[in-house]
Amino acid sequence: MFQTKQNDYETLRKDLEQLRREVRIERMKVSKSVEDLVRFCQQSQGSDPLLNKIPSGDNPFTHQDRPCVVL
């Protein structure tokens, strides 16, 4: 019985410590975060290989003349 109460107390103490840490975290509004994300995506779209074709000389996945060898 005593051990259970002690465990409950420790669990509650740890939860309280975690809540105290979380309340000090600086929050950002979602709208501001979305604006930042959109701005980053727009600035990076020129160098994004998923949006732009990769030059064949730079693409390591293009067809090679040598066969694939599995050891």
PDB file of N, CA and C in Angstrom:
ATOM      1  N   MET A   1       0.824  -1.185   0.000  1.00  0.00           N
ATOM      2  CA  MET A   1       0.000   0.000   0.000  1.00  0.00           C
ATOM      3  C   MET A   1       0.877   1.261   0.000  1.00  0.00           C
ATOM      4  N   PHE A   2       1.855   1.288   0.898  1.00  0.00           N
ATOM      5  CA  PHE A   2       2.742   2.444   0.981  1.00  0.00           C
ATOM      6  C   PHE A   2       3.525   2.630  -0.316  1.00  0.00           C
ATOM      7  N   GLN A   3       3.978   1.524  -0.906  1.00  0.00           N
ATOM      8  CA  GLN A   3       4.752   1.588  -2.151  1.00  0.00           C
ATOM      9  C   GLN A   3       3.906   2.156  -3.284  1.00  0.00           C
ATOM     10  N   THR A   4       2.649   1.790  -3.342  1.00  0.00           N
ATOM     11  CA  THR A   4       1.758   2.299  -4.384  1.00  0.00           C
ATOM     12  C   THR A   4       1.573   3.806  -4.247  1.00  0.00           C
ATOM     13  N   LYS A   5       1.370   4.280  -3.021  1.00  0.00           N
ATOM     14  CA  LYS A   5       1.217   5.718  -2.806  1.00  0.00           C
ATOM     15  C   LYS A   5       2.503   6.456  -3.170  1.00  0.00           C
ATOM     16  N   GLN A   6       3.622   5.842  -2.846  1.00  0.00           N
ATOM     17  CA  GLN A   6       4.913   6.448  -3.179  1.00  0.00           C
ATOM     18  C   GLN A   6       5.077   6.531  -4.698  1.00  0.00           C
ATOM     19  N   ASN A   7       4.703   5.482  -5.408  1.00  0.00           N
ATOM     20  CA  ASN A   7       4.785   5.481  -6.874  1.00  0.00           C
ATOM     21  C   ASN A   7       3.851   6.529  -7.468  1.00  0.00           C
ATOM     22  N   ASP A   8       2.641   6.624  -6.911  1.00  0.00           N
ATOM     23  CA  ASP A   8       1.693   7.627  -7.389  1.00  0.00           C
ATOM     24  C   ASP A   8       2.250   9.035  -7.174  1.00  0.00           C
ATOM     25  N   TYR A   9       2.838   9.252  -6.037  1.00  0.00           N
ATOM     26  CA  TYR A   9       3.420  10.554  -5.725  1.00  0.00           C
ATOM     27  C   TYR A   9       4.542  10.886  -6.711  1.00  0.00           C
ATOM     28  N   GLU A  10       5.409   9.937  -6.983  1.00  0.00           N
ATOM     29  CA  GLU A  10       6.521  10.161  -7.924  1.00  0.00           C
ATOM     30  C   GLU A  10       5.986  10.453  -9.320  1.00  0.00           C
ATOM     31  N   THR A  11       4.975   9.729  -9.735  1.00  0.00           N
ATOM     32  CA  THR A  11       4.383   9.952 -11.057  1.00  0.00           C
ATOM     33  C   THR A  11       3.785  11.350 -11.146  1.00  0.00           C
ATOM     34  N   LEU A  12       3.053  11.748 -10.138  1.00  0.00           N
ATOM     35  CA  LEU A  12       2.461  13.086 -10.118  1.00  0.00           C
ATOM     36  C   LEU A  12       3.534  14.168 -10.090  1.00  0.00           C
ATOM     37  N   ARG A  13       4.601  13.948  -9.353  1.00  0.00           N
ATOM     38  CA  ARG A  13       5.692  14.909  -9.277  1.00  0.00           C
ATOM     39  C   ARG A  13       6.365  15.074 -10.643  1.00  0.00           C
ATOM     40  N   LYS A  14       6.595  13.960 -11.322  1.00  0.00           N
ATOM     41  CA  LYS A  14       7.207  14.023 -12.653  1.00  0.00           C
ATOM     42  C   LYS A  14       6.280  14.712 -13.649  1.00  0.00           C
ATOM     43  N   ASP A  15       4.984  14.427 -13.555  1.00  0.00           N
ATOM     44  CA  ASP A  15       4.025  15.086 -14.435  1.00  0.00           C
ATOM     45  C   ASP A  15       4.017  16.592 -14.205  1.00  0.00           C
ATOM     46  N   LEU A  16       4.051  16.989 -12.955  1.00  0.00           N
ATOM     47  CA  LEU A  16       4.058  18.404 -12.618  1.00  0.00           C
ATOM     48  C   LEU A  16       5.331  19.082 -13.134  1.00  0.00           C
ATOM     49  N   GLU A  17       6.465  18.443 -12.996  1.00  0.00           N
ATOM     50  CA  GLU A  17       7.721  18.990 -13.522  1.00  0.00           C
ATOM     51  C   GLU A  17       7.647  19.169 -15.035  1.00  0.00           C
ATOM     52  N   GLN A  18       7.081  18.174 -15.715  1.00  0.00           N
ATOM     53  CA  GLN A  18       6.947  18.252 -17.172  1.00  0.00           C
ATOM     54  C   GLN A  18       6.027  19.411 -17.567  1.00  0.00           C
ATOM     55  N   LEU A  19       4.927  19.565 -16.876  1.00  0.00           N
ATOM     56  CA  LEU A  19       4.009  20.665 -17.170  1.00  0.00           C
ATOM     57  C   LEU A  19       4.671  22.017 -16.937  1.00  0.00           C
ATOM     58  N   ARG A  20       5.469  22.119 -15.895  1.00  0.00           N
ATOM     59  CA  ARG A  20       6.183  23.370 -15.636  1.00  0.00           C
ATOM     60  C   ARG A  20       7.180  23.692 -16.751  1.00  0.00           C
ATOM     61  N   ARG A  21       7.848  22.662 -17.278  1.00  0.00           N
ATOM     62  CA  ARG A  21       8.766  22.886 -18.403  1.00  0.00           C
ATOM     63  C   ARG A  21       7.991  23.324 -19.640  1.00  0.00           C
ATOM     64  N   GLU A  22       6.870  22.680 -19.894  1.00  0.00           N
ATOM     65  CA  GLU A  22       6.104  22.979 -21.098  1.00  0.00           C
ATOM     66  C   GLU A  22       5.483  24.366 -21.064  1.00  0.00           C
ATOM     67  N   VAL A  23       5.108  24.844 -19.891  1.00  0.00           N
ATOM     68  CA  VAL A  23       4.477  26.162 -19.806  1.00  0.00           C
ATOM     69  C   VAL A  23       5.477  27.267 -20.125  1.00  0.00           C
ATOM     70  N   ARG A  24       6.773  27.013 -19.995  1.00  0.00           N
ATOM     71  CA  ARG A  24       7.795  28.009 -20.301  1.00  0.00           C
ATOM     72  C   ARG A  24       8.169  28.044 -21.781  1.00  0.00           C
ATOM     73  N   ILE A  25       7.695  27.085 -22.556  1.00  0.00           N
ATOM     74  CA  ILE A  25       8.015  27.036 -23.982  1.00  0.00           C
ATOM     75  C   ILE A  25       7.295  28.177 -24.708  1.00  0.00           C
ATOM     76  N   GLU A  26       8.055  28.913 -25.509  1.00  0.00           N
ATOM     77  CA  GLU A  26       7.462  30.004 -26.277  1.00  0.00           C
ATOM     78  C   GLU A  26       6.652  29.415 -27.425  1.00  0.00           C
ATOM     79  N   ARG A  27       5.426  29.833 -27.517  1.00  0.00           N
ATOM     80  CA  ARG A  27       4.513  29.325 -28.546  1.00  0.00           C
ATOM     81  C   ARG A  27       4.442  30.294 -29.713  1.00  0.00           C
ATOM     82  N   MET A  28       4.104  29.744 -30.874  1.00  0.00           N
ATOM     83  CA  MET A  28       3.920  30.534 -32.076  1.00  0.00           C
ATOM     84  C   MET A  28       2.514  30.273 -32.600  1.00  0.00           C
ATOM     85  N   LYS A  29       1.874  31.291 -33.112  1.00  0.00           N
ATOM     86  CA  LYS A  29       0.559  31.086 -33.697  1.00  0.00           C
ATOM     87  C   LYS A  29       0.707  30.247 -34.962  1.00  0.00           C
ATOM     88  N   VAL A  30      -0.282  29.402 -35.208  1.00  0.00           N
ATOM     89  CA  VAL A  30      -0.240  28.528 -36.378  1.00  0.00           C
ATOM     90  C   VAL A  30      -0.182  29.364 -37.654  1.00  0.00           C
ATOM     91  N   SER A  31      -0.914  30.449 -37.699  1.00  0.00           N
ATOM     92  CA  SER A  31      -0.918  31.289 -38.899  1.00  0.00           C
ATOM     93  C   SER A  31       0.490  31.817 -39.204  1.00  0.00           C
ATOM     94  N   LYS A  32       1.235  32.193 -38.179  1.00  0.00           N
ATOM     95  CA  LYS A  32       2.613  32.668 -38.368  1.00  0.00           C
ATOM     96  C   LYS A  32       3.517  31.531 -38.840  1.00  0.00           C
ATOM     97  N   SER A  33       3.340  30.364 -38.267  1.00  0.00           N
ATOM     98  CA  SER A  33       4.137  29.205 -38.674  1.00  0.00           C
ATOM     99  C   SER A  33       3.871  28.842 -40.129  1.00  0.00           C
ATOM    100  N   VAL A  34       2.610  28.903 -40.526  1.00  0.00           N
ATOM    101  CA  VAL A  34       2.249  28.577 -41.910  1.00  0.00           C
ATOM    102  C   VAL A  34       2.850  29.604 -42.868  1.00  0.00           C
ATOM    103  N   GLU A  35       2.798  30.876 -42.496  1.00  0.00           N
ATOM    104  CA  GLU A  35       3.415  31.910 -43.342  1.00  0.00           C
ATOM    105  C   GLU A  35       4.902  31.643 -43.524  1.00  0.00           C
ATOM    106  N   ASP A  36       5.587  31.307 -42.444  1.00  0.00           N
ATOM    107  CA  ASP A  36       7.018  31.006 -42.522  1.00  0.00           C
ATOM    108  C   ASP A  36       7.282  29.795 -43.401  1.00  0.00           C
ATOM    109  N   LEU A  37       6.453  28.771 -43.274  1.00  0.00           N
ATOM    110  CA  LEU A  37       6.622  27.556 -44.068  1.00  0.00           C
ATOM    111  C   LEU A  37       6.392  27.828 -45.548  1.00  0.00           C
ATOM    112  N   VAL A  38       5.359  28.583 -45.866  1.00  0.00           N
ATOM    113  CA  VAL A  38       5.081  28.931 -47.265  1.00  0.00           C
ATOM    114  C   VAL A  38       6.226  29.749 -47.845  1.00  0.00           C
ATOM    115  N   ARG A  39       6.719  30.721 -47.080  1.00  0.00           N
ATOM    116  CA  ARG A  39       7.835  31.554 -47.538  1.00  0.00           C
ATOM    117  C   ARG A  39       9.068  30.688 -47.811  1.00  0.00           C
ATOM    118  N   PHE A  40       9.367  29.759 -46.896  1.00  0.00           N
ATOM    119  CA  PHE A  40      10.523  28.877 -47.080  1.00  0.00           C
ATOM    120  C   PHE A  40      10.360  28.035 -48.345  1.00  0.00           C
ATOM    121  N   CYS A  41       9.170  27.474 -48.544  1.00  0.00           N
ATOM    122  CA  CYS A  41       8.938  26.635 -49.732  1.00  0.00           C
ATOM    123  C   CYS A  41       9.094  27.446 -51.013  1.00  0.00           C
ATOM    124  N   GLN A  42       8.584  28.665 -51.015  1.00  0.00           N
ATOM    125  CA  GLN A  42       8.698  29.508 -52.205  1.00  0.00           C
ATOM    126  C   GLN A  42      10.150  29.882 -52.476  1.00  0.00           C
ATOM    127  N   GLN A  43      10.925  30.147 -51.439  1.00  0.00           N
ATOM    128  CA  GLN A  43      12.324  30.497 -51.618  1.00  0.00           C
ATOM    129  C   GLN A  43      13.152  29.298 -52.074  1.00  0.00           C
ATOM    130  N   SER A  44      12.770  28.110 -51.680  1.00  0.00           N
ATOM    131  CA  SER A  44      13.560  26.913 -51.965  1.00  0.00           C
ATOM    132  C   SER A  44      13.118  26.166 -53.213  1.00  0.00           C
ATOM    133  N   GLN A  45      12.031  26.578 -53.835  1.00  0.00           N
ATOM    134  CA  GLN A  45      11.508  25.794 -54.947  1.00  0.00           C
ATOM    135  C   GLN A  45      12.449  25.757 -56.147  1.00  0.00           C
ATOM    136  N   GLY A  46      13.308  26.748 -56.297  1.00  0.00           N
ATOM    137  CA  GLY A  46      14.237  26.752 -57.424  1.00  0.00           C
ATOM    138  C   GLY A  46      15.285  25.661 -57.347  1.00  0.00           C
ATOM    139  N   SER A  47      15.636  25.247 -56.148  1.00  0.00           N
ATOM    140  CA  SER A  47      16.670  24.218 -55.994  1.00  0.00           C
ATOM    141  C   SER A  47      16.108  22.879 -55.538  1.00  0.00           C
ATOM    142  N   ASP A  48      14.796  22.737 -55.555  1.00  0.00           N
ATOM    143  CA  ASP A  48      14.165  21.499 -55.107  1.00  0.00           C
ATOM    144  C   ASP A  48      14.157  20.473 -56.238  1.00  0.00           C
ATOM    145  N   PRO A  49      14.871  19.349 -56.081  1.00  0.00           N
ATOM    146  CA  PRO A  49      14.931  18.365 -57.158  1.00  0.00           C
ATOM    147  C   PRO A  49      13.606  17.654 -57.414  1.00  0.00           C
ATOM    148  N   LEU A  50      12.674  17.720 -56.484  1.00  0.00           N
ATOM    149  CA  LEU A  50      11.368  17.105 -56.726  1.00  0.00           C
ATOM    150  C   LEU A  50      10.487  17.980 -57.608  1.00  0.00           C
ATOM    151  N   LEU A  51      10.773  19.267 -57.673  1.00  0.00           N
ATOM    152  CA  LEU A  51       9.990  20.181 -58.499  1.00  0.00           C
ATOM    153  C   LEU A  51      10.663  20.479 -59.828  1.00  0.00           C
ATOM    154  N   ASN A  52      11.973  20.376 -59.881  1.00  0.00           N
ATOM    155  CA  ASN A  52      12.733  20.701 -61.083  1.00  0.00           C
ATOM    156  C   ASN A  52      13.472  19.454 -61.579  1.00  0.00           C
ATOM    157  N   LYS A  53      13.613  19.384 -62.878  1.00  0.00           N
ATOM    158  CA  LYS A  53      14.323  18.255 -63.459  1.00  0.00           C
ATOM    159  C   LYS A  53      15.801  18.317 -63.075  1.00  0.00           C
ATOM    160  N   ILE A  54      16.345  17.179 -62.690  1.00  0.00           N
ATOM    161  CA  ILE A  54      17.759  17.083 -62.343  1.00  0.00           C
ATOM    162  C   ILE A  54      18.547  16.903 -63.635  1.00  0.00           C
ATOM    163  N   PRO A  55      19.599  17.686 -63.850  1.00  0.00           N
ATOM    164  CA  PRO A  55      20.412  17.482 -65.050  1.00  0.00           C
ATOM    165  C   PRO A  55      20.943  16.045 -65.090  1.00  0.00           C
ATOM    166  N   SER A  56      20.918  15.434 -66.255  1.00  0.00           N
ATOM    167  CA  SER A  56      21.291  14.016 -66.356  1.00  0.00           C
ATOM    168  C   SER A  56      22.722  13.757 -65.901  1.00  0.00           C
ATOM    169  N   GLY A  57      23.596  14.734 -66.043  1.00  0.00           N
ATOM    170  CA  GLY A  57      24.972  14.555 -65.588  1.00  0.00           C
ATOM    171  C   GLY A  57      25.080  14.509 -64.065  1.00  0.00           C
ATOM    172  N   ASP A  58      24.142  15.120 -63.358  1.00  0.00           N
ATOM    173  CA  ASP A  58      24.166  15.160 -61.899  1.00  0.00           C
ATOM    174  C   ASP A  58      23.307  14.067 -61.258  1.00  0.00           C
ATOM    175  N   ASN A  59      22.510  13.375 -62.055  1.00  0.00           N
ATOM    176  CA  ASN A  59      21.576  12.399 -61.513  1.00  0.00           C
ATOM    177  C   ASN A  59      22.253  11.040 -61.354  1.00  0.00           C
ATOM    178  N   PRO A  60      22.447  10.566 -60.123  1.00  0.00           N
ATOM    179  CA  PRO A  60      23.110   9.274 -59.917  1.00  0.00           C
ATOM    180  C   PRO A  60      22.211   8.086 -60.264  1.00  0.00           C
ATOM    181  N   PHE A  61      20.923   8.337 -60.545  1.00  0.00           N
ATOM    182  CA  PHE A  61      19.996   7.232 -60.805  1.00  0.00           C
ATOM    183  C   PHE A  61      19.713   7.033 -62.288  1.00  0.00           C
ATOM    184  N   THR A  62      20.411   7.763 -63.151  1.00  0.00           N
ATOM    185  CA  THR A  62      20.202   7.570 -64.586  1.00  0.00           C
ATOM    186  C   THR A  62      20.783   6.222 -65.009  1.00  0.00           C
ATOM    187  N   HIS A  63      20.362   5.749 -66.165  1.00  0.00           N
ATOM    188  CA  HIS A  63      20.812   4.458 -66.673  1.00  0.00           C
ATOM    189  C   HIS A  63      22.326   4.492 -66.903  1.00  0.00           C
ATOM    190  N   GLN A  64      22.997   3.516 -66.374  1.00  0.00           N
ATOM    191  CA  GLN A  64      24.445   3.407 -66.532  1.00  0.00           C
ATOM    192  C   GLN A  64      24.736   2.323 -67.568  1.00  0.00           C
ATOM    193  N   ASP A  65      25.845   2.453 -68.278  1.00  0.00           N
ATOM    194  CA  ASP A  65      26.210   1.458 -69.284  1.00  0.00           C
ATOM    195  C   ASP A  65      26.698   0.170 -68.658  1.00  0.00           C
ATOM    196  N   ARG A  66      27.196   0.239 -67.442  1.00  0.00           N
ATOM    197  CA  ARG A  66      27.689  -0.976 -66.805  1.00  0.00           C
ATOM    198  C   ARG A  66      26.539  -1.657 -66.037  1.00  0.00           C
ATOM    199  N   PRO A  67      26.512  -2.951 -66.018  1.00  0.00           N
ATOM    200  CA  PRO A  67      25.429  -3.674 -65.336  1.00  0.00           C
ATOM    201  C   PRO A  67      25.597  -3.608 -63.813  1.00  0.00           C
ATOM    202  N   CYS A  68      24.522  -3.838 -63.141  1.00  0.00           N
ATOM    203  CA  CYS A  68      24.528  -3.892 -61.689  1.00  0.00           C
ATOM    204  C   CYS A  68      25.016  -5.273 -61.247  1.00  0.00           C
ATOM    205  N   VAL A  69      25.956  -5.296 -60.336  1.00  0.00           N
ATOM    206  CA  VAL A  69      26.507  -6.554 -59.875  1.00  0.00           C
ATOM    207  C   VAL A  69      26.182  -6.704 -58.397  1.00  0.00           C
ATOM    208  N   VAL A  70      25.577  -7.831 -58.064  1.00  0.00           N
ATOM    209  CA  VAL A  70      25.252  -8.115 -56.674  1.00  0.00           C
ATOM    210  C   VAL A  70      26.218  -9.178 -56.191  1.00  0.00           C
ATOM    211  N   LEU A  71      26.904  -8.897 -55.120  1.00  0.00           N
ATOM    212  CA  LEU A  71      27.872  -9.859 -54.600  1.00  0.00           C
ATOM    213  C   LEU A  71      27.211 -10.881 -53.742  1.00  0.00           C
TER     214      LEU A  71
END
